[in-house]
Amino acid sequence: DSSWGRLLPRPYISNVLGYTALFASADLVQQSVLGVDWHQTARVATVGLCFHANFNYHWLRGLEKMLPGGGVKAVTEKVVVDQLIAAPLTISAFYIGMLSIQQGAGNISQTFWSILIRYHHTCCKFLSCSSIMNLPFHYIPKVFYWKSEIW
């Protein structure tokens, strides 16, 4: 029996480990052009493990209970609610977490707000459109989904 096989019946653990690995991998890919800073990757993985993995696990389960179904209307509603509620919260938590790890718990307010304003401009231009592009995934048969409590 493989380690992964033992984690499948425990969706919380596998989701938390999966999100943490996803955060670390995304940071490594982003850094691959200029050279890898392992300390930066460790910080990203720490923020991913401590907040994002746990938040996303519970948020997505709650979102599915709040807006059940998989039709185009239900998926559109989920995307809109996710973008309006979870996205600002998770982005803020990411930057506050990263700034806290890098600068300590001192005065991070000014740095946070300048980063958040730049992010907001990018988000308005790009992320909302890219979220809508996820709608076609509704048409992938559920046979191909990885089994978890959400699906």
Protein backbone atom coordinates (compact mmCIF):
# COMPACT_ATOMS: atom_id res chain seq x y z
CA ASP A 1 0.00 0.00 0.00
CA SER A 2 1.51 3.33 -1.07
CA SER A 3 1.69 6.45 1.06
CA TRP A 4 -0.68 8.22 -1.34
CA GLY A 5 -3.14 5.32 -1.03
CA ARG A 6 -3.21 5.79 2.74
CA LEU A 7 -3.96 9.52 2.33
CA LEU A 8 -6.89 9.15 -0.08
CA PRO A 9 -9.41 8.19 2.63
CA ARG A 10 -8.28 11.31 4.54
CA PRO A 11 -9.21 14.19 2.23
CA TYR A 12 -8.27 16.88 4.74
CA ILE A 13 -4.66 15.72 5.02
CA SER A 14 -4.26 15.07 1.29
CA ASN A 15 -5.80 18.45 0.40
CA VAL A 16 -3.59 20.34 2.86
CA LEU A 17 -0.47 18.58 1.60
CA GLY A 18 -1.60 19.08 -2.00
CA TYR A 19 -2.16 22.83 -1.57
CA THR A 20 1.17 23.21 0.19
CA ALA A 21 2.95 21.38 -2.63
CA LEU A 22 1.05 23.47 -5.18
CA PHE A 23 2.15 26.72 -3.53
CA ALA A 24 5.79 25.61 -3.32
CA SER A 25 5.76 24.31 -6.91
CA ALA A 26 4.22 27.51 -8.25
CA ASP A 27 6.90 29.52 -6.49
CA LEU A 28 9.64 27.31 -7.94
CA VAL A 29 8.23 27.68 -11.45
CA GLN A 30 7.98 31.46 -11.02
CA GLN A 31 11.59 31.60 -9.83
CA SER A 32 12.99 29.20 -12.42
CA VAL A 33 13.82 32.01 -14.84
CA LEU A 34 16.05 33.99 -12.48
CA GLY A 35 17.35 31.26 -10.17
CA VAL A 36 15.80 29.55 -7.19
CA ASP A 37 15.75 31.06 -3.71
CA TRP A 38 14.94 28.10 -1.44
CA HIS A 39 14.25 30.38 1.53
CA GLN A 40 11.57 32.18 -0.51
CA THR A 41 10.04 28.83 -1.49
CA ALA A 42 10.03 27.74 2.16
CA ARG A 43 8.24 30.98 3.12
CA VAL A 44 5.62 30.49 0.40
CA ALA A 45 5.09 26.87 1.46
CA THR A 46 4.73 27.96 5.10
CA VAL A 47 2.04 30.51 4.25
CA GLY A 48 0.36 27.93 2.03
CA LEU A 49 0.39 25.33 4.80
CA CYS A 50 -0.61 27.60 7.68
CA PHE A 51 -3.44 29.49 5.99
CA HIS A 52 -4.32 28.77 2.38
CA ALA A 53 -4.48 24.99 2.49
CA ASN A 54 -6.78 24.98 5.50
CA PHE A 55 -8.89 27.89 4.31
CA ASN A 56 -9.39 26.46 0.81
CA TYR A 57 -10.35 23.04 2.15
CA HIS A 58 -13.11 24.45 4.34
CA TRP A 59 -14.11 27.26 1.94
CA LEU A 60 -14.63 24.95 -1.03
CA ARG A 61 -16.65 22.48 1.05
CA GLY A 62 -18.80 25.34 2.37
CA LEU A 63 -19.20 26.85 -1.09
CA GLU A 64 -20.40 23.51 -2.45
CA LYS A 65 -22.95 23.23 0.38
CA MET A 66 -24.05 26.84 -0.08
CA LEU A 67 -24.34 26.60 -3.89
CA PRO A 68 -24.79 22.92 -4.76
CA GLY A 69 -24.79 21.66 -8.31
CA GLY A 70 -22.61 21.65 -11.35
CA GLY A 71 -24.59 23.40 -14.04
CA VAL A 72 -23.33 26.50 -15.79
CA LYS A 73 -25.45 28.73 -13.55
CA ALA A 74 -24.21 27.10 -10.33
CA VAL A 75 -20.57 27.19 -11.45
CA THR A 76 -20.91 30.84 -12.46
CA GLU A 77 -22.40 31.67 -9.06
CA LYS A 78 -19.54 29.82 -7.33
CA VAL A 79 -16.93 31.74 -9.34
CA VAL A 80 -18.57 35.08 -8.58
CA VAL A 81 -18.91 34.36 -4.84
CA ASP A 82 -15.36 33.03 -4.72
CA GLN A 83 -13.97 36.12 -6.45
CA LEU A 84 -15.96 38.53 -4.27
CA ILE A 85 -15.38 36.89 -0.88
CA ALA A 86 -12.48 34.43 -0.84
CA ALA A 87 -10.12 36.09 -3.33
CA PRO A 88 -9.62 39.36 -1.41
CA LEU A 89 -9.27 37.48 1.86
CA THR A 90 -6.75 34.93 0.58
CA ILE A 91 -4.67 37.49 -1.30
CA SER A 92 -4.53 39.70 1.80
CA ALA A 93 -3.60 36.72 3.96
CA PHE A 94 -0.85 35.71 1.53
CA TYR A 95 0.80 39.14 1.45
CA ILE A 96 0.40 39.72 5.19
CA GLY A 97 1.83 36.26 5.88
CA MET A 98 4.77 36.75 3.53
CA LEU A 99 5.51 40.24 4.86
CA SER A 100 5.29 38.98 8.46
CA ILE A 101 7.76 36.20 7.74
CA GLN A 102 10.14 38.48 5.82
CA GLN A 103 9.95 41.65 7.93
CA GLY A 104 8.70 40.38 11.26
CA ALA A 105 5.46 41.46 12.87
CA GLY A 106 6.45 45.13 12.85
CA ASN A 107 4.85 47.85 10.78
CA ILE A 108 3.89 46.11 7.54
CA SER A 109 0.81 48.22 6.88
CA GLN A 110 2.30 50.66 4.35
CA THR A 111 4.04 47.89 2.36
CA PHE A 112 0.88 45.77 2.40
CA TRP A 113 -1.33 48.56 1.04
CA SER A 114 1.07 49.44 -1.78
CA ILE A 115 1.25 45.75 -2.80
CA LEU A 116 -2.52 45.37 -2.53
CA ILE A 117 -3.17 48.36 -4.81
CA ARG A 118 -0.84 46.94 -7.50
CA TYR A 119 -2.47 43.53 -7.13
CA HIS A 120 -5.97 45.00 -7.42
CA HIS A 121 -5.11 46.62 -10.74
CA THR A 122 -3.75 43.31 -12.06
CA CYS A 123 -6.76 41.43 -10.74
CA CYS A 124 -9.24 43.72 -12.45
CA LYS A 125 -7.45 43.31 -15.76
CA PHE A 126 -6.68 39.59 -15.77
CA LEU A 127 -7.89 37.29 -13.01
CA SER A 128 -11.63 37.77 -13.42
CA CYS A 129 -11.40 36.82 -17.09
CA SER A 130 -9.23 33.80 -16.36
CA SER A 131 -11.71 32.57 -13.75
CA ILE A 132 -14.49 32.62 -16.33
CA MET A 133 -12.31 30.44 -18.59
CA ASN A 134 -12.62 27.68 -15.98
CA LEU A 135 -16.33 27.29 -16.76
CA PRO A 136 -15.78 24.74 -19.58
CA PHE A 137 -14.32 22.33 -17.02
CA HIS A 138 -17.91 21.73 -15.96
CA TYR A 139 -18.32 19.62 -19.08
CA ILE A 140 -15.55 17.16 -18.17
CA PRO A 141 -17.25 13.89 -17.10
CA LYS A 142 -17.02 13.27 -13.37
CA VAL A 143 -15.46 9.88 -14.09
CA PHE A 144 -12.18 11.74 -14.64
CA TYR A 145 -12.32 13.68 -11.35
CA TRP A 146 -10.14 12.73 -8.43
CA LYS A 147 -12.47 11.57 -5.67
CA SER A 148 -12.74 13.93 -2.73
CA GLU A 149 -15.48 15.14 -0.42
CA ILE A 150 -16.12 18.17 -2.60
CA TRP A 151 -17.20 16.21 -5.67
